[in-house]
């Protein structure tokens, strides 16, 4: 869209900006024109239009109010210039307010630049958009006249917009229709009503359209002067650098804290390993009991493990006793390996069919 513009052109420079150099120019209400760096809807603005009913090359430099008031508006109604200060070029043939104006009420608006706002959360940052070489921009527009209850005739206009160019899409999804050369200006101003204007009502894609951020103070329509177009440095860039600095610092501190915790844990284990061992979780197959014993005034640390090996040792003693009573040789290592736990021993009880002597057979002999 286009809701603010800069127009500080001299009156005689406006027709030349529209390539109307060698044609008769008539002026209307140009005494109302006041150059401004911050023009908004409701202000007087010079436009270039064709002579009424004329087929010649003559044009009219007419100072109108920005913000269309259709001629069918009630005379007693208070005009609202913010309601139609822009018109979507895609729908000018559909809406009654604009469709009847296309045949004979086309005009040109010359400005040095316009403003657009970039939304950043609750804040809005304005940008000034202009041609790199400083030449004026020419917009396509439509105008109309309305008579109020006092008999006063009010002329007003609306600027046509189109989808934003690929370069400006990051800023806004709409932009004014910019007529970038004499051919497109002649087409919009002079062609007959039967002509299709789709070829000129399109985004301006040339790379000579540039922009830069300006002060948010120009958001107020009362703020005027060269300060409106003075380029500023956005503070967000500096804030991002500061945020990155503290973010990196926080990560570094967290890493150092983690290293210190690891070193502290390693030192604790070296001094007193029982404190670390106690933190381990006991499982069904592995139960550890740690103890510390002092010997000879020296700090001697020993860890006694009670596991399956102890059960195996007890089983071996019992089997050796049975073997002694039976007058046999002590059991071999292979036999011990078969008896790992008391629970497993129960499953390995010899049946009556085994040839191995038992205590019953020993007492039977006596």
Protein backbone atom coordinates (compact mmCIF):
# COMPACT_ATOMS: atom_id res chain seq x y z
CA UNK A 1 0.00 0.00 0.00
CA UNK A 2 0.99 3.65 -0.04
CA UNK A 3 -0.17 5.89 2.80
CA UNK A 4 2.65 8.43 3.09
CA UNK A 5 4.75 10.16 0.44
CA UNK A 6 7.23 12.94 -0.11
CA UNK A 7 6.39 15.62 -2.65
CA UNK A 8 8.62 18.70 -2.52
CA UNK A 9 8.66 19.20 -6.29
CA UNK A 10 8.12 22.61 -7.75
CA UNK A 11 4.83 23.00 -9.59
CA UNK A 12 6.49 23.33 -13.01
CA UNK A 13 8.60 20.22 -12.39
CA UNK A 14 5.58 17.95 -11.99
CA UNK A 15 4.48 17.89 -15.68
CA UNK A 16 8.10 17.30 -16.73
CA UNK A 17 8.34 14.38 -14.29
CA UNK A 18 5.34 12.93 -16.17
CA UNK A 19 7.03 13.48 -19.56
CA UNK A 20 4.59 16.26 -20.48
CA UNK A 21 7.32 18.60 -21.68
CA UNK A 22 6.03 20.13 -24.88
CA UNK A 23 2.28 20.18 -24.28
CA UNK A 24 -0.04 22.91 -22.99
CA UNK A 25 -0.47 22.79 -19.20
CA UNK A 26 -3.38 24.36 -17.37
CA UNK A 27 -3.37 24.67 -13.59
CA UNK A 28 -6.30 24.30 -11.17
CA UNK A 29 -6.20 25.15 -7.46
CA UNK A 30 -2.41 25.03 -7.37
CA UNK A 31 -2.46 27.76 -4.75
CA UNK A 32 -3.51 25.02 -2.34
CA UNK A 33 -0.35 23.04 -2.95
CA UNK A 34 2.19 23.06 -0.17
CA UNK A 35 5.36 20.95 -0.71
CA UNK A 36 5.90 18.45 2.11
CA UNK A 37 8.19 15.62 3.15
CA UNK A 38 5.29 13.86 4.84
CA UNK A 39 2.07 13.94 2.83
CA UNK A 40 -0.82 11.83 4.12
CA UNK A 41 -4.44 11.23 3.01
CA UNK A 42 -6.61 14.33 3.43
CA UNK A 43 -3.87 16.70 2.22
CA UNK A 44 -3.83 18.62 -1.05
CA UNK A 45 -1.70 16.95 -3.68
CA UNK A 46 -1.01 17.95 -7.36
CA UNK A 47 -1.95 15.41 -10.05
CA UNK A 48 -1.70 15.48 -13.84
CA UNK A 49 -4.83 14.63 -15.82
CA UNK A 50 -6.16 15.14 -19.31
CA UNK A 51 -8.38 18.06 -20.25
CA UNK A 52 -12.08 17.28 -19.82
CA UNK A 53 -13.50 16.09 -23.11
CA UNK A 54 -10.33 17.03 -24.93
CA UNK A 55 -8.68 14.79 -27.51
CA UNK A 56 -5.51 16.87 -27.75
CA UNK A 57 -2.24 16.60 -25.88
CA UNK A 58 -3.03 19.30 -23.34
CA UNK A 59 -3.02 18.37 -19.66
CA UNK A 60 -4.22 19.86 -16.39
CA UNK A 61 -2.07 20.23 -13.28
CA UNK A 62 -4.83 19.94 -10.69
CA UNK A 63 -4.35 20.11 -6.91
CA UNK A 64 -6.75 17.56 -5.40
CA UNK A 65 -7.26 15.93 -2.00
CA UNK A 66 -5.64 12.54 -1.49
CA UNK A 67 -8.37 10.03 -0.56
CA UNK A 68 -11.19 9.36 -3.01
CA UNK A 69 -14.71 10.55 -2.26
CA UNK A 70 -17.06 9.01 -4.88
CA UNK A 71 -19.47 11.37 -6.61
CA UNK A 72 -22.47 9.32 -5.41
CA UNK A 73 -21.63 10.02 -1.76
CA UNK A 74 -24.45 11.76 0.09
CA UNK A 75 -24.06 15.53 0.22
CA UNK A 76 -24.65 15.61 3.97
CA UNK A 77 -22.07 12.91 4.65
CA UNK A 78 -18.71 13.86 6.08
CA UNK A 79 -15.99 12.67 3.67
CA UNK A 80 -13.53 10.08 4.95
CA UNK A 81 -10.32 10.41 2.94
CA UNK A 82 -8.69 7.41 4.63
CA UNK A 83 -11.36 5.07 3.34
CA UNK A 84 -10.21 5.02 -0.30
CA UNK A 85 -6.73 6.52 -0.46
CA UNK A 86 -5.62 3.28 -2.22
CA UNK A 87 -7.37 1.09 -4.80
CA UNK A 88 -6.36 -2.45 -5.66
CA UNK A 89 -5.57 -2.51 -9.38
CA UNK A 90 -6.82 -6.11 -9.60
CA UNK A 91 -10.37 -5.05 -8.67
CA UNK A 92 -10.85 -1.66 -10.36
CA UNK A 93 -13.11 -3.28 -12.97
CA UNK A 94 -15.23 -4.93 -10.29
CA UNK A 95 -16.03 -2.20 -7.75
CA UNK A 96 -18.50 0.51 -8.75
CA UNK A 97 -16.44 3.20 -7.02
CA UNK A 98 -13.59 2.63 -9.49
CA UNK A 99 -15.03 0.89 -12.55
CA UNK A 100 -16.82 4.00 -13.84
CA UNK A 101 -13.62 6.07 -13.44
CA UNK A 102 -11.31 3.92 -15.56
CA UNK A 103 -12.54 5.14 -18.99
CA UNK A 104 -12.05 8.92 -18.51
CA UNK A 105 -10.78 9.68 -15.00
CA UNK A 106 -7.23 8.36 -15.02
CA UNK A 107 -4.44 10.58 -13.70
CA UNK A 108 -0.78 10.65 -12.66
CA UNK A 109 0.79 11.37 -9.27
CA UNK A 110 4.45 12.43 -9.15
CA UNK A 111 6.42 12.08 -5.91
CA UNK A 112 10.08 11.89 -4.92
CA UNK A 113 9.53 8.88 -2.71
CA UNK A 114 7.09 7.10 -0.44
CA UNK A 115 7.17 5.43 2.98
CA UNK A 116 6.33 1.92 4.04
CA UNK A 117 6.32 0.34 7.50
CA UNK A 118 7.85 -2.96 8.51
CA UNK A 119 6.04 -4.65 11.37
CA UNK A 120 8.27 -6.01 14.15
CA UNK A 121 5.92 -7.28 16.85
CA UNK A 122 4.19 -4.29 18.46
CA UNK A 123 6.63 -1.88 16.79
CA UNK A 124 6.66 -0.54 13.23
CA UNK A 125 9.79 0.70 11.48
CA UNK A 126 9.29 3.12 8.53
CA UNK A 127 11.41 2.92 5.38
CA UNK A 128 11.84 5.57 2.70
CA UNK A 129 11.62 4.15 -0.85
CA UNK A 130 12.88 6.08 -3.87
CA UNK A 131 14.79 5.86 -7.14
CA UNK A 132 18.53 5.52 -6.77
CA UNK A 133 19.23 8.40 -9.16
CA UNK A 134 16.77 10.72 -7.42
CA UNK A 135 14.29 11.09 -10.28
CA UNK A 136 10.58 11.34 -9.35
CA UNK A 137 8.31 8.31 -9.17
CA UNK A 138 5.04 8.45 -11.14
CA UNK A 139 2.02 6.56 -9.77
CA UNK A 140 -1.12 5.47 -11.60
CA UNK A 141 -4.25 6.98 -10.03
CA UNK A 142 -7.99 7.59 -10.47
CA UNK A 143 -9.90 10.78 -9.58
CA UNK A 144 -13.51 11.88 -9.01
CA UNK A 145 -15.51 14.96 -7.99
CA UNK A 146 -18.14 15.29 -5.29
CA UNK A 147 -20.45 18.16 -4.34
CA UNK A 148 -21.25 18.71 -0.68
CA UNK A 149 -24.40 20.23 0.87
CA UNK A 150 -23.00 23.74 0.54
CA UNK A 151 -22.48 23.41 -3.19
CA UNK A 152 -18.72 23.14 -2.96
CA UNK A 153 -17.10 20.77 -5.45
CA UNK A 154 -14.39 18.60 -3.98
CA UNK A 155 -11.91 16.81 -6.30
CA UNK A 156 -10.10 13.79 -4.85
CA UNK A 157 -8.00 10.86 -6.07
CA UNK A 158 -6.82 7.38 -5.10
CA UNK A 159 -3.46 5.73 -5.84
CA UNK A 160 -3.56 2.29 -7.45
CA UNK A 161 -1.63 -0.54 -5.81
CA UNK A 162 -0.45 -3.95 -6.94
CA UNK A 163 1.32 -6.93 -5.44
CA UNK A 164 4.76 -6.15 -4.10
CA UNK A 165 7.89 -6.73 -6.17
CA UNK A 166 10.21 -9.59 -5.29
CA UNK A 167 12.70 -7.12 -3.79
CA UNK A 168 10.14 -5.41 -1.53
CA UNK A 169 8.11 -8.43 -0.47
CA UNK A 170 10.00 -8.64 2.83
CA UNK A 171 8.71 -5.16 3.69
CA UNK A 172 5.05 -5.33 2.59
CA UNK A 173 2.82 -7.41 0.35
CA UNK A 174 1.52 -4.38 -1.59
CA UNK A 175 3.14 -1.43 -3.38
CA UNK A 176 1.91 1.47 -5.54
CA UNK A 177 1.71 1.01 -9.31
CA UNK A 178 4.88 2.73 -10.56
CA UNK A 179 4.88 3.82 -14.21
CA UNK A 180 8.61 3.60 -14.82
CA UNK A 181 8.95 4.96 -18.35
CA UNK A 182 7.30 7.29 -20.85
CA UNK A 183 5.60 4.43 -22.67
CA UNK A 184 3.72 3.20 -19.61
CA UNK A 185 2.81 6.80 -18.63
CA UNK A 186 1.39 7.52 -22.10
CA UNK A 187 -0.55 4.26 -22.02
CA UNK A 188 -2.22 5.00 -18.70
CA UNK A 189 -3.00 8.64 -19.43
CA UNK A 190 -3.97 8.62 -23.12
CA UNK A 191 -5.22 5.17 -24.21
CA UNK A 192 -8.91 4.65 -24.92
CA UNK A 193 -11.28 3.12 -22.43
CA UNK A 194 -11.37 -0.18 -24.33
CA UNK A 195 -7.65 -0.74 -23.74
CA UNK A 196 -6.63 -3.37 -21.19
CA UNK A 197 -4.15 -1.90 -18.74
CA UNK A 198 -2.89 -5.16 -17.27
CA UNK A 199 0.56 -4.67 -18.80
CA UNK A 200 1.16 -1.42 -16.90
CA UNK A 201 -0.64 -2.27 -13.66
CA UNK A 202 2.06 -4.61 -12.42
CA UNK A 203 4.88 -4.59 -9.83
CA UNK A 204 7.97 -2.53 -10.60
CA UNK A 205 10.84 -5.03 -10.71
CA UNK A 206 13.79 -2.88 -11.87
CA UNK A 207 16.75 -2.76 -9.45
CA UNK A 208 16.97 1.06 -9.35
CA UNK A 209 14.31 1.24 -6.63
CA UNK A 210 16.11 1.51 -3.26
CA UNK A 211 15.18 2.10 0.39
CA UNK A 212 16.54 2.75 3.88
CA UNK A 213 15.14 3.11 7.44
CA UNK A 214 14.04 6.51 8.72
CA UNK A 215 12.90 7.91 12.04
CA UNK A 216 9.64 6.53 13.49
CA UNK A 217 8.73 10.13 14.38
CA UNK A 218 7.52 10.66 10.82
CA UNK A 219 4.62 8.36 11.65
CA UNK A 220 2.89 11.50 12.88
CA UNK A 221 1.47 13.47 9.98
CA UNK A 222 2.43 16.70 11.73
CA UNK A 223 6.12 15.74 11.62
CA UNK A 224 7.62 17.36 8.53
CA UNK A 225 10.94 18.50 7.10
CA UNK A 226 14.21 16.91 5.87
CA UNK A 227 14.41 14.84 9.07
CA UNK A 228 11.69 12.61 7.59
CA UNK A 229 14.05 11.20 4.97
CA UNK A 230 17.24 11.11 7.04
CA UNK A 231 18.65 7.60 7.18
CA UNK A 232 19.04 6.08 10.65
CA UNK A 233 20.91 3.09 12.05
CA UNK A 234 18.63 0.44 13.48
CA UNK A 235 19.37 -0.39 17.12
CA UNK A 236 18.21 -3.97 16.70
CA UNK A 237 21.49 -4.86 15.03
CA UNK A 238 23.45 -3.77 18.10
CA UNK A 239 21.04 -5.53 20.44
CA UNK A 240 21.50 -8.74 18.50
CA UNK A 241 25.26 -8.51 18.93
CA UNK A 242 24.89 -7.96 22.68
CA UNK A 243 22.48 -10.88 22.94
CA UNK A 244 24.92 -13.13 21.10
CA UNK A 245 27.75 -12.02 23.41
CA UNK A 246 25.85 -12.86 26.60
CA UNK A 247 24.54 -16.06 25.05
CA UNK A 248 28.09 -17.25 24.30
CA UNK A 249 29.23 -16.17 27.76
CA UNK A 250 26.44 -18.18 29.41
CA UNK A 251 27.33 -21.28 27.40
CA UNK A 252 30.99 -20.94 28.33
CA UNK A 253 30.16 -20.60 32.04
CA UNK A 254 27.90 -23.66 31.89
CA UNK A 255 30.66 -25.71 30.27
CA UNK A 256 33.18 -24.60 32.91
CA UNK A 257 30.69 -25.50 35.67
CA UNK A 258 30.23 -28.98 34.18
CA UNK A 259 34.01 -29.54 34.03
CA UNK A 260 34.39 -28.45 37.67
CA UNK A 261 31.66 -30.88 38.76
CA UNK A 262 33.40 -33.75 36.94
CA UNK A 263 36.77 -32.89 38.48
CA UNK A 264 35.18 -32.69 41.94
CA UNK A 265 33.59 -36.11 41.51
CA UNK A 266 36.89 -37.65 40.39
CA UNK A 267 38.72 -36.14 43.40
CA UNK A 268 36.10 -37.48 45.80
CA UNK A 269 36.45 -41.00 44.41
CA UNK A 270 40.25 -40.87 44.68
CA UNK A 271 40.10 -39.85 48.36
CA UNK A 272 37.23 -42.09 49.49
CA UNK A 273 36.00 -44.63 46.92
CA UNK A 274 33.34 -46.01 49.30
CA UNK A 275 31.30 -42.82 48.89
CA UNK A 276 31.08 -43.43 45.17
CA UNK A 277 30.45 -47.14 45.49
CA UNK A 278 27.53 -46.57 47.85
CA UNK A 279 25.76 -44.66 45.10
CA UNK A 280 25.63 -47.71 42.86
CA UNK A 281 22.35 -49.56 42.66
CA UNK A 282 22.25 -53.16 43.90
CA UNK A 283 20.98 -55.72 41.41
CA UNK A 284 19.73 -59.30 41.83
CA UNK A 285 22.90 -60.88 40.40
CA UNK A 286 25.48 -58.47 41.74
CA UNK A 287 25.45 -57.26 45.39
CA UNK A 288 28.55 -55.44 46.65
CA UNK A 289 29.51 -54.56 50.22
CA UNK A 290 32.50 -52.28 50.69
CA UNK A 291 34.53 -51.95 53.89
CA UNK A 292 37.66 -50.09 54.92
CA UNK A 293 40.18 -51.69 57.30
CA UNK A 294 43.13 -49.93 58.98
CA UNK A 295 46.29 -52.05 59.33
CA UNK A 296 49.64 -51.15 60.94
CA UNK A 297 48.83 -47.44 61.20
CA UNK A 298 48.58 -47.27 57.43
CA UNK A 299 45.40 -46.52 55.56
CA UNK A 300 44.77 -49.83 53.87
CA UNK A 301 41.62 -50.09 51.80
CA UNK A 302 40.11 -53.46 50.96
CA UNK A 303 36.86 -54.29 49.32
CA UNK A 304 35.20 -57.64 50.13
CA UNK A 305 32.77 -58.78 47.49
CA UNK A 306 29.93 -61.12 48.41
CA UNK A 307 28.61 -62.65 45.25
CA UNK A 308 28.13 -66.00 43.56
CA UNK A 309 31.73 -66.99 44.36
CA UNK A 310 30.95 -67.16 48.12
CA UNK A 311 27.94 -69.40 47.50
CA UNK A 312 30.15 -71.59 45.33
CA UNK A 313 32.74 -71.86 48.12
CA UNK A 314 30.13 -72.95 50.69
CA UNK A 315 28.78 -75.52 48.26
CA UNK A 316 32.29 -76.90 47.73
CA UNK A 317 32.87 -77.38 51.51
CA UNK A 318 29.63 -79.27 51.88
CA UNK A 319 30.37 -81.48 48.91
CA UNK A 320 33.91 -82.17 50.20
CA UNK A 321 32.45 -83.27 53.53
CA UNK A 322 30.07 -85.64 51.77
CA UNK A 323 32.91 -86.99 49.70
CA UNK A 324 35.05 -87.51 52.86
CA UNK A 325 32.28 -89.42 54.56
CA UNK A 326 31.95 -91.59 51.49
CA UNK A 327 35.68 -92.29 51.35
CA UNK A 328 36.02 -90.70 47.95
CA UNK A 329 38.40 -88.17 46.42
CA UNK A 330 37.54 -84.48 46.79
CA UNK A 331 35.35 -83.11 44.05
CA UNK A 332 37.03 -81.68 40.96
CA UNK A 333 36.78 -78.14 39.62
CA UNK A 334 34.37 -79.32 36.93
CA UNK A 335 31.95 -80.52 39.60
CA UNK A 336 32.23 -77.22 41.46
CA UNK A 337 31.38 -75.27 38.35
CA UNK A 338 28.10 -77.17 38.08
CA UNK A 339 27.06 -75.96 41.54
CA UNK A 340 27.11 -72.17 41.39
CA UNK A 341 24.36 -71.33 43.86
CA UNK A 342 22.32 -73.15 46.50
CA UNK A 343 19.25 -72.72 44.32
CA UNK A 344 20.95 -74.40 41.39
CA UNK A 345 22.24 -77.21 43.61
CA UNK A 346 18.69 -78.28 44.26
CA UNK A 347 18.18 -78.82 40.58
CA UNK A 348 21.34 -80.99 40.35
CA UNK A 349 20.41 -83.64 43.01
CA UNK A 350 21.59 -87.05 41.87
CA UNK A 351 18.93 -89.57 41.01
CA UNK A 352 18.80 -93.14 42.35
CA UNK A 353 20.13 -94.45 39.04
CA UNK A 354 23.55 -92.73 39.41
CA UNK A 355 26.58 -94.92 40.16
CA UNK A 356 28.08 -92.45 42.60
CA UNK A 357 28.00 -93.74 46.26
CA UNK A 358 25.89 -91.89 48.75
CA UNK A 359 25.79 -91.61 52.52
CA UNK A 360 22.95 -94.18 52.56
CA UNK A 361 25.14 -96.75 50.86
CA UNK A 362 27.99 -96.03 53.26
CA UNK A 363 25.88 -96.61 56.33
CA UNK A 364 24.39 -99.68 54.66
CA UNK A 365 27.81 -101.25 54.49
CA UNK A 366 28.28 -100.87 58.20
